[in-house]
Amino acid sequence: MAVFDQFEDFASILPSGQALAGLDLGEKTIGIAVSDRMLSVASPLQTIRRSKFKADAVDLLKIVTERDIAGLVLGLPRNMDGTEGPRCQSTRAFARNLSNLTDLPISFWDERLSTVAAERALLEADTSRRKRAEVIDHVAAGVILQGALDRIAVMRRKNA
């Protein structure tokens, strides 16, 4: 498939009855969340500690295969003013490189404040500081993926 810059184009080609995965790419970790097959609820899954791209891709694609994932949504870390900096370039490069290893469609979701939202949710759940550090990346991936799922739901209602 391909890397889709326009989220609507990505959403329009998704098969029904298969889940999506959301990724929060950090310098040291990759947070992973998965959706249900109805594309309504995102659930934080796990965090991969990053090493080299090939090893990270193997770990990620193993999860994707095991869970019958139909597409990937990568959090795009735009600056607060909407511009793209070095972290966006790194995320886009990761997507391009990953697209050479899989036929899954890949798209991006603006992840501004996703970690803040994840941190707030964990604080409201009275999660200990140590536990928050362990789960923050895949909870942030869940926030990213839930935003994308909500957008897909709006698009489907509009097209119904």
N, C-alpha and C. Protein backbone atom coordinates (compact mmCIF):
# COMPACT_ATOMS: atom_id res chain seq x y z
N MET A 1 0.86 -1.19 0.00
CA MET A 1 0.00 0.00 0.00
C MET A 1 0.89 1.23 0.00
N ALA A 2 0.55 2.16 0.89
CA ALA A 2 1.28 3.41 0.82
C ALA A 2 1.17 4.18 2.12
N VAL A 3 1.90 5.28 2.16
CA VAL A 3 1.79 6.23 3.26
C VAL A 3 0.86 7.33 2.79
N PHE A 4 -0.19 7.58 3.54
CA PHE A 4 -1.20 8.58 3.18
C PHE A 4 -1.02 9.83 4.03
N ASP A 5 -0.77 10.95 3.36
CA ASP A 5 -0.72 12.23 4.06
C ASP A 5 -2.11 12.70 4.45
N GLN A 6 -3.08 12.42 3.59
CA GLN A 6 -4.47 12.82 3.86
C GLN A 6 -5.18 11.69 4.59
N PHE A 7 -5.57 11.95 5.84
CA PHE A 7 -6.19 10.92 6.65
C PHE A 7 -7.47 10.38 6.01
N GLU A 8 -8.22 11.24 5.35
CA GLU A 8 -9.47 10.82 4.70
C GLU A 8 -9.22 9.77 3.63
N ASP A 9 -8.13 9.92 2.87
CA ASP A 9 -7.78 8.94 1.84
C ASP A 9 -7.45 7.58 2.49
N PHE A 10 -6.71 7.62 3.58
CA PHE A 10 -6.37 6.42 4.33
C PHE A 10 -7.65 5.74 4.83
N ALA A 11 -8.51 6.49 5.47
CA ALA A 11 -9.73 5.93 6.05
C ALA A 11 -10.64 5.33 4.99
N SER A 12 -10.64 5.90 3.80
CA SER A 12 -11.56 5.45 2.74
C SER A 12 -11.20 4.07 2.19
N ILE A 13 -9.97 3.62 2.38
CA ILE A 13 -9.57 2.33 1.80
C ILE A 13 -9.50 1.21 2.84
N LEU A 14 -9.84 1.51 4.08
CA LEU A 14 -9.75 0.50 5.13
C LEU A 14 -10.83 -0.57 4.95
N PRO A 15 -10.44 -1.83 5.08
CA PRO A 15 -11.44 -2.90 5.01
C PRO A 15 -12.28 -2.91 6.29
N SER A 16 -13.49 -3.43 6.21
CA SER A 16 -14.29 -3.51 7.42
C SER A 16 -13.95 -4.79 8.18
N GLY A 17 -14.19 -4.75 9.48
CA GLY A 17 -13.99 -5.93 10.31
C GLY A 17 -12.56 -6.20 10.75
N GLN A 18 -11.67 -5.24 10.53
CA GLN A 18 -10.29 -5.40 10.99
C GLN A 18 -9.89 -4.19 11.83
N ALA A 19 -8.99 -4.44 12.74
CA ALA A 19 -8.55 -3.41 13.68
C ALA A 19 -7.45 -2.52 13.09
N LEU A 20 -7.21 -1.41 13.76
CA LEU A 20 -6.09 -0.52 13.45
C LEU A 20 -5.14 -0.51 14.63
N ALA A 21 -3.92 -0.10 14.38
CA ALA A 21 -2.95 0.12 15.46
C ALA A 21 -2.52 1.58 15.42
N GLY A 22 -2.35 2.15 16.59
CA GLY A 22 -1.85 3.51 16.73
C GLY A 22 -0.47 3.47 17.35
N LEU A 23 0.41 4.33 16.87
CA LEU A 23 1.78 4.36 17.37
C LEU A 23 2.16 5.74 17.87
N ASP A 24 2.79 5.76 19.03
CA ASP A 24 3.38 6.99 19.57
C ASP A 24 4.88 6.77 19.51
N LEU A 25 5.53 7.35 18.49
CA LEU A 25 6.97 7.17 18.29
C LEU A 25 7.75 8.15 19.14
N GLY A 26 8.55 7.61 20.02
CA GLY A 26 9.46 8.44 20.80
C GLY A 26 10.88 8.11 20.40
N GLU A 27 11.82 8.83 20.95
CA GLU A 27 13.23 8.56 20.64
C GLU A 27 13.68 7.23 21.23
N LYS A 28 13.13 6.87 22.40
CA LYS A 28 13.56 5.66 23.09
C LYS A 28 12.52 4.54 23.07
N THR A 29 11.26 4.88 22.80
CA THR A 29 10.19 3.89 22.86
C THR A 29 9.18 4.08 21.74
N ILE A 30 8.39 3.03 21.50
CA ILE A 30 7.24 3.11 20.61
C ILE A 30 6.04 2.61 21.40
N GLY A 31 5.11 3.51 21.68
CA GLY A 31 3.89 3.12 22.35
C GLY A 31 2.92 2.57 21.31
N ILE A 32 2.25 1.47 21.64
CA ILE A 32 1.33 0.83 20.70
C ILE A 32 -0.04 0.69 21.34
N ALA A 33 -1.06 1.05 20.58
CA ALA A 33 -2.45 0.83 20.97
C ALA A 33 -3.14 0.14 19.80
N VAL A 34 -4.21 -0.59 20.10
CA VAL A 34 -4.97 -1.27 19.05
C VAL A 34 -6.45 -0.94 19.23
N SER A 35 -7.17 -1.04 18.12
CA SER A 35 -8.61 -0.81 18.17
C SER A 35 -9.34 -2.14 18.17
N ASP A 36 -10.63 -2.07 18.42
CA ASP A 36 -11.47 -3.23 18.22
C ASP A 36 -11.77 -3.34 16.72
N ARG A 37 -12.40 -4.40 16.30
CA ARG A 37 -12.70 -4.61 14.88
C ARG A 37 -13.79 -3.69 14.35
N MET A 38 -14.55 -3.08 15.24
CA MET A 38 -15.61 -2.13 14.83
C MET A 38 -15.04 -0.71 14.66
N LEU A 39 -13.76 -0.54 14.98
CA LEU A 39 -13.08 0.76 14.91
C LEU A 39 -13.76 1.81 15.78
N SER A 40 -14.13 1.38 17.00
CA SER A 40 -14.77 2.34 17.89
C SER A 40 -13.96 2.65 19.14
N VAL A 41 -13.18 1.69 19.64
CA VAL A 41 -12.47 1.88 20.90
C VAL A 41 -10.99 1.55 20.74
N ALA A 42 -10.14 2.45 21.21
CA ALA A 42 -8.70 2.22 21.22
C ALA A 42 -8.29 1.74 22.60
N SER A 43 -7.42 0.73 22.63
CA SER A 43 -6.92 0.21 23.90
C SER A 43 -5.39 0.22 23.88
N PRO A 44 -4.78 0.85 24.89
CA PRO A 44 -3.33 0.79 24.98
C PRO A 44 -2.88 -0.66 25.08
N LEU A 45 -1.80 -1.01 24.38
CA LEU A 45 -1.36 -2.40 24.35
C LEU A 45 -0.02 -2.58 25.05
N GLN A 46 1.03 -1.97 24.50
CA GLN A 46 2.36 -2.15 25.08
C GLN A 46 3.31 -1.09 24.53
N THR A 47 4.49 -1.09 25.13
CA THR A 47 5.55 -0.18 24.70
C THR A 47 6.76 -1.02 24.30
N ILE A 48 7.29 -0.71 23.13
CA ILE A 48 8.52 -1.35 22.65
C ILE A 48 9.68 -0.41 22.95
N ARG A 49 10.73 -0.93 23.55
CA ARG A 49 11.94 -0.14 23.75
C ARG A 49 12.70 -0.15 22.43
N ARG A 50 12.99 1.03 21.89
CA ARG A 50 13.62 1.12 20.57
C ARG A 50 15.09 0.72 20.61
N SER A 51 15.51 0.12 19.49
CA SER A 51 16.93 -0.16 19.30
C SER A 51 17.30 0.33 17.91
N LYS A 52 17.35 -0.57 16.94
CA LYS A 52 17.59 -0.17 15.55
C LYS A 52 16.28 -0.31 14.78
N PHE A 53 16.16 0.42 13.67
CA PHE A 53 14.89 0.41 12.92
C PHE A 53 14.45 -1.00 12.57
N LYS A 54 15.35 -1.81 12.02
CA LYS A 54 14.97 -3.17 11.58
C LYS A 54 14.39 -3.98 12.74
N ALA A 55 15.05 -3.94 13.89
CA ALA A 55 14.57 -4.69 15.06
C ALA A 55 13.22 -4.15 15.53
N ASP A 56 13.09 -2.82 15.54
CA ASP A 56 11.82 -2.20 15.93
C ASP A 56 10.71 -2.62 14.98
N ALA A 57 11.00 -2.63 13.68
CA ALA A 57 10.01 -2.99 12.67
C ALA A 57 9.60 -4.45 12.81
N VAL A 58 10.55 -5.33 13.08
CA VAL A 58 10.22 -6.75 13.27
C VAL A 58 9.28 -6.92 14.46
N ASP A 59 9.59 -6.27 15.58
CA ASP A 59 8.73 -6.34 16.77
C ASP A 59 7.33 -5.81 16.47
N LEU A 60 7.28 -4.69 15.80
CA LEU A 60 6.00 -4.05 15.48
C LEU A 60 5.18 -4.91 14.52
N LEU A 61 5.81 -5.39 13.46
CA LEU A 61 5.09 -6.18 12.46
C LEU A 61 4.64 -7.53 13.00
N LYS A 62 5.32 -8.05 13.99
CA LYS A 62 4.88 -9.28 14.65
C LYS A 62 3.55 -9.03 15.35
N ILE A 63 3.45 -7.94 16.07
CA ILE A 63 2.21 -7.57 16.76
C ILE A 63 1.09 -7.35 15.74
N VAL A 64 1.41 -6.63 14.67
CA VAL A 64 0.44 -6.33 13.62
C VAL A 64 -0.13 -7.62 13.02
N THR A 65 0.74 -8.58 12.76
CA THR A 65 0.32 -9.86 12.18
C THR A 65 -0.54 -10.65 13.17
N GLU A 66 -0.08 -10.74 14.41
CA GLU A 66 -0.81 -11.49 15.44
C GLU A 66 -2.22 -10.95 15.65
N ARG A 67 -2.38 -9.65 15.51
CA ARG A 67 -3.66 -9.02 15.82
C ARG A 67 -4.49 -8.69 14.58
N ASP A 68 -4.04 -9.14 13.41
CA ASP A 68 -4.77 -8.93 12.15
C ASP A 68 -5.11 -7.45 11.93
N ILE A 69 -4.08 -6.62 12.04
CA ILE A 69 -4.23 -5.17 11.92
C ILE A 69 -4.34 -4.79 10.45
N ALA A 70 -5.27 -3.86 10.14
CA ALA A 70 -5.53 -3.45 8.75
C ALA A 70 -4.82 -2.17 8.35
N GLY A 71 -4.31 -1.40 9.31
CA GLY A 71 -3.64 -0.15 9.00
C GLY A 71 -2.98 0.43 10.24
N LEU A 72 -2.05 1.35 10.01
CA LEU A 72 -1.30 1.97 11.09
C LEU A 72 -1.52 3.48 11.09
N VAL A 73 -1.73 4.01 12.29
CA VAL A 73 -1.87 5.45 12.47
C VAL A 73 -0.72 5.90 13.36
N LEU A 74 0.15 6.73 12.81
CA LEU A 74 1.31 7.23 13.55
C LEU A 74 1.02 8.63 14.05
N GLY A 75 1.30 8.85 15.32
CA GLY A 75 1.16 10.19 15.86
C GLY A 75 2.19 11.10 15.21
N LEU A 76 1.73 12.25 14.70
CA LEU A 76 2.63 13.22 14.07
C LEU A 76 2.84 14.38 15.03
N PRO A 77 4.05 14.50 15.58
CA PRO A 77 4.31 15.48 16.64
C PRO A 77 4.55 16.90 16.12
N ARG A 78 3.47 17.51 15.66
CA ARG A 78 3.58 18.89 15.17
C ARG A 78 3.91 19.83 16.32
N ASN A 79 4.49 20.98 15.98
CA ASN A 79 4.70 22.04 16.96
C ASN A 79 3.34 22.63 17.32
N MET A 80 3.27 23.32 18.42
CA MET A 80 1.98 23.88 18.86
C MET A 80 1.39 24.84 17.84
N ASP A 81 2.22 25.47 17.02
CA ASP A 81 1.70 26.39 16.00
C ASP A 81 1.32 25.66 14.71
N GLY A 82 1.40 24.33 14.71
CA GLY A 82 1.00 23.54 13.55
C GLY A 82 2.12 23.23 12.57
N THR A 83 3.27 23.84 12.76
CA THR A 83 4.39 23.59 11.84
C THR A 83 5.03 22.24 12.17
N GLU A 84 5.83 21.76 11.22
CA GLU A 84 6.52 20.49 11.41
C GLU A 84 8.01 20.73 11.63
N GLY A 85 8.53 20.10 12.67
CA GLY A 85 9.94 20.20 12.97
C GLY A 85 10.66 18.88 12.75
N PRO A 86 11.84 18.74 13.33
CA PRO A 86 12.65 17.53 13.15
C PRO A 86 11.95 16.24 13.59
N ARG A 87 11.14 16.28 14.64
CA ARG A 87 10.45 15.06 15.10
C ARG A 87 9.42 14.60 14.07
N CYS A 88 8.77 15.54 13.38
CA CYS A 88 7.84 15.16 12.30
C CYS A 88 8.60 14.51 11.15
N GLN A 89 9.74 15.07 10.81
CA GLN A 89 10.55 14.49 9.74
C GLN A 89 10.96 13.07 10.09
N SER A 90 11.33 12.85 11.34
CA SER A 90 11.72 11.53 11.81
C SER A 90 10.55 10.55 11.73
N THR A 91 9.35 11.00 12.10
CA THR A 91 8.15 10.16 12.04
C THR A 91 7.81 9.82 10.60
N ARG A 92 7.91 10.80 9.72
CA ARG A 92 7.63 10.54 8.30
C ARG A 92 8.65 9.56 7.70
N ALA A 93 9.91 9.69 8.10
CA ALA A 93 10.95 8.77 7.63
C ALA A 93 10.67 7.35 8.14
N PHE A 94 10.24 7.23 9.39
CA PHE A 94 9.89 5.92 9.95
C PHE A 94 8.76 5.30 9.13
N ALA A 95 7.74 6.10 8.81
CA ALA A 95 6.60 5.61 8.02
C ALA A 95 7.06 5.15 6.64
N ARG A 96 7.90 5.94 5.97
CA ARG A 96 8.40 5.57 4.64
C ARG A 96 9.18 4.25 4.71
N ASN A 97 10.06 4.14 5.69
CA ASN A 97 10.87 2.94 5.83
C ASN A 97 10.00 1.72 6.15
N LEU A 98 9.00 1.92 7.01
CA LEU A 98 8.10 0.82 7.37
C LEU A 98 7.26 0.39 6.17
N SER A 99 6.88 1.34 5.34
CA SER A 99 6.06 1.03 4.16
C SER A 99 6.81 0.14 3.17
N ASN A 100 8.15 0.13 3.25
CA ASN A 100 8.94 -0.77 2.41
C ASN A 100 8.90 -2.21 2.91
N LEU A 101 8.43 -2.40 4.15
CA LEU A 101 8.42 -3.73 4.76
C LEU A 101 7.02 -4.33 4.91
N THR A 102 5.99 -3.54 4.63
CA THR A 102 4.62 -4.02 4.80
C THR A 102 3.71 -3.40 3.75
N ASP A 103 2.64 -4.12 3.43
CA ASP A 103 1.65 -3.60 2.50
C ASP A 103 0.55 -2.82 3.21
N LEU A 104 0.61 -2.73 4.53
CA LEU A 104 -0.44 -2.03 5.27
C LEU A 104 -0.44 -0.54 4.95
N PRO A 105 -1.63 0.05 4.84
CA PRO A 105 -1.69 1.51 4.69
C PRO A 105 -1.25 2.17 6.00
N ILE A 106 -0.58 3.28 5.86
CA ILE A 106 -0.07 4.04 7.00
C ILE A 106 -0.52 5.49 6.84
N SER A 107 -0.96 6.08 7.94
CA SER A 107 -1.30 7.50 7.91
C SER A 107 -0.86 8.15 9.22
N PHE A 108 -1.13 9.43 9.33
CA PHE A 108 -0.69 10.22 10.47
C PHE A 108 -1.88 10.85 11.17
N TRP A 109 -1.71 11.09 12.47
CA TRP A 109 -2.71 11.80 13.25
C TRP A 109 -1.98 12.83 14.10
N ASP A 110 -2.47 14.06 14.08
CA ASP A 110 -1.86 15.15 14.86
C ASP A 110 -1.88 14.75 16.33
N GLU A 111 -0.71 14.61 16.90
CA GLU A 111 -0.64 14.13 18.27
C GLU A 111 -0.39 15.22 19.30
N ARG A 112 -0.53 16.46 18.90
CA ARG A 112 -0.31 17.53 19.87
C ARG A 112 -1.13 17.28 21.12
N LEU A 113 -0.48 17.36 22.24
CA LEU A 113 -1.09 17.21 23.57
C LEU A 113 -1.56 15.79 23.90
N SER A 114 -1.24 14.80 23.08
CA SER A 114 -1.67 13.43 23.40
C SER A 114 -1.00 12.93 24.68
N THR A 115 0.27 13.23 24.87
CA THR A 115 0.94 12.79 26.09
C THR A 115 0.38 13.53 27.30
N VAL A 116 0.03 14.80 27.12
CA VAL A 116 -0.60 15.56 28.21
C VAL A 116 -1.93 14.93 28.58
N ALA A 117 -2.73 14.56 27.58
CA ALA A 117 -4.02 13.92 27.83
C ALA A 117 -3.83 12.57 28.51
N ALA A 118 -2.84 11.82 28.07
CA ALA A 118 -2.56 10.51 28.68
C ALA A 118 -2.13 10.68 30.13
N GLU A 119 -1.26 11.64 30.38
CA GLU A 119 -0.78 11.91 31.74
C GLU A 119 -1.96 12.31 32.64
N ARG A 120 -2.83 13.16 32.14
CA ARG A 120 -4.00 13.60 32.91
C ARG A 120 -4.90 12.40 33.24
N ALA A 121 -5.14 11.53 32.27
CA ALA A 121 -5.98 10.36 32.50
C ALA A 121 -5.36 9.44 33.56
N LEU A 122 -4.05 9.26 33.49
CA LEU A 122 -3.38 8.41 34.46
C LEU A 122 -3.40 9.03 35.86
N LEU A 123 -3.27 10.34 35.94
CA LEU A 123 -3.36 11.02 37.23
C LEU A 123 -4.76 10.89 37.81
N GLU A 124 -5.77 11.06 36.95
CA GLU A 124 -7.16 10.93 37.42
C GLU A 124 -7.44 9.51 37.90
N ALA A 125 -6.74 8.53 37.32
CA ALA A 125 -6.89 7.14 37.74
C ALA A 125 -6.02 6.82 38.96
N ASP A 126 -5.36 7.86 39.50
CA ASP A 126 -4.51 7.72 40.69
C ASP A 126 -3.39 6.71 40.48
N THR A 127 -2.81 6.73 39.27
CA THR A 127 -1.71 5.83 38.93
C THR A 127 -0.42 6.35 39.54
N SER A 128 0.37 5.46 40.13
CA SER A 128 1.62 5.86 40.76
C SER A 128 2.58 6.43 39.71
N ARG A 129 3.51 7.21 40.18
CA ARG A 129 4.51 7.82 39.29
C ARG A 129 5.29 6.75 38.53
N ARG A 130 5.69 5.68 39.21
CA ARG A 130 6.45 4.61 38.57
C ARG A 130 5.61 3.92 37.50
N LYS A 131 4.37 3.63 37.81
CA LYS A 131 3.48 2.97 36.85
C LYS A 131 3.20 3.89 35.66
N ARG A 132 3.02 5.19 35.92
CA ARG A 132 2.79 6.15 34.82
C ARG A 132 3.96 6.12 33.85
N ALA A 133 5.18 6.08 34.37
CA ALA A 133 6.37 6.06 33.50
C ALA A 133 6.38 4.80 32.64
N GLU A 134 5.87 3.68 33.17
CA GLU A 134 5.85 2.43 32.42
C GLU A 134 4.82 2.43 31.30
N VAL A 135 3.70 3.11 31.50
CA VAL A 135 2.57 2.98 30.57
C VAL A 135 2.28 4.22 29.74
N ILE A 136 2.94 5.33 30.03
CA ILE A 136 2.57 6.61 29.39
C ILE A 136 2.62 6.53 27.86
N ASP A 137 3.60 5.83 27.29
CA ASP A 137 3.76 5.81 25.84
C ASP A 137 2.62 5.06 25.15
N HIS A 138 2.22 3.91 25.69
CA HIS A 138 1.13 3.21 25.02
C HIS A 138 -0.24 3.81 25.37
N VAL A 139 -0.34 4.49 26.50
CA VAL A 139 -1.58 5.24 26.77
C VAL A 139 -1.68 6.43 25.80
N ALA A 140 -0.56 7.10 25.54
CA ALA A 140 -0.55 8.20 24.55
C ALA A 140 -0.90 7.66 23.16
N ALA A 141 -0.42 6.46 22.82
CA ALA A 141 -0.79 5.84 21.54
C ALA A 141 -2.30 5.61 21.49
N GLY A 142 -2.88 5.26 22.62
CA GLY A 142 -4.33 5.08 22.69
C GLY A 142 -5.08 6.38 22.45
N VAL A 143 -4.56 7.47 22.98
CA VAL A 143 -5.17 8.79 22.76
C VAL A 143 -5.10 9.15 21.27
N ILE A 144 -3.96 8.92 20.66
CA ILE A 144 -3.77 9.18 19.23
C ILE A 144 -4.77 8.35 18.41
N LEU A 145 -4.80 7.04 18.68
CA LEU A 145 -5.67 6.16 17.91
C LEU A 145 -7.14 6.48 18.14
N GLN A 146 -7.52 6.84 19.37
CA GLN A 146 -8.93 7.16 19.62
C GLN A 146 -9.35 8.39 18.84
N GLY A 147 -8.47 9.37 18.72
CA GLY A 147 -8.78 10.55 17.91
C GLY A 147 -9.03 10.18 16.46
N ALA A 148 -8.20 9.28 15.94
CA ALA A 148 -8.36 8.82 14.55
C ALA A 148 -9.66 8.03 14.39
N LEU A 149 -9.97 7.16 15.35
CA LEU A 149 -11.20 6.37 15.28
C LEU A 149 -12.44 7.27 15.33
N ASP A 150 -12.39 8.29 16.17
CA ASP A 150 -13.51 9.22 16.26
C ASP A 150 -13.72 9.94 14.92
N ARG A 151 -12.63 10.29 14.27
CA ARG A 151 -12.72 10.94 12.95
C ARG A 151 -13.31 9.99 11.91
N ILE A 152 -12.90 8.73 11.94
CA ILE A 152 -13.45 7.74 11.02
C ILE A 152 -14.96 7.59 11.24
N ALA A 153 -15.39 7.58 12.49
CA ALA A 153 -16.82 7.46 12.81
C ALA A 153 -17.61 8.64 12.23
N VAL A 154 -17.07 9.84 12.36
CA VAL A 154 -17.73 11.04 11.80
C VAL A 154 -17.81 10.92 10.28
N MET A 155 -16.71 10.48 9.65
CA MET A 155 -16.69 10.35 8.19
C MET A 155 -17.73 9.32 7.73
N ARG A 156 -17.84 8.23 8.45
CA ARG A 156 -18.79 7.17 8.06
C ARG A 156 -20.23 7.64 8.23
N ARG A 157 -20.52 8.38 9.29
CA ARG A 157 -21.88 8.91 9.48
C ARG A 157 -22.23 9.89 8.37
N LYS A 158 -21.25 10.69 8.00
CA LYS A 158 -21.47 11.69 6.93
C LYS A 158 -21.75 11.02 5.59
N ASN A 159 -21.09 9.88 5.36
CA ASN A 159 -21.23 9.16 4.08
C ASN A 159 -22.38 8.17 4.05
N ALA A 160 -23.02 7.97 5.20
CA ALA A 160 -24.11 6.97 5.28
C ALA A 160 -25.40 7.47 4.64
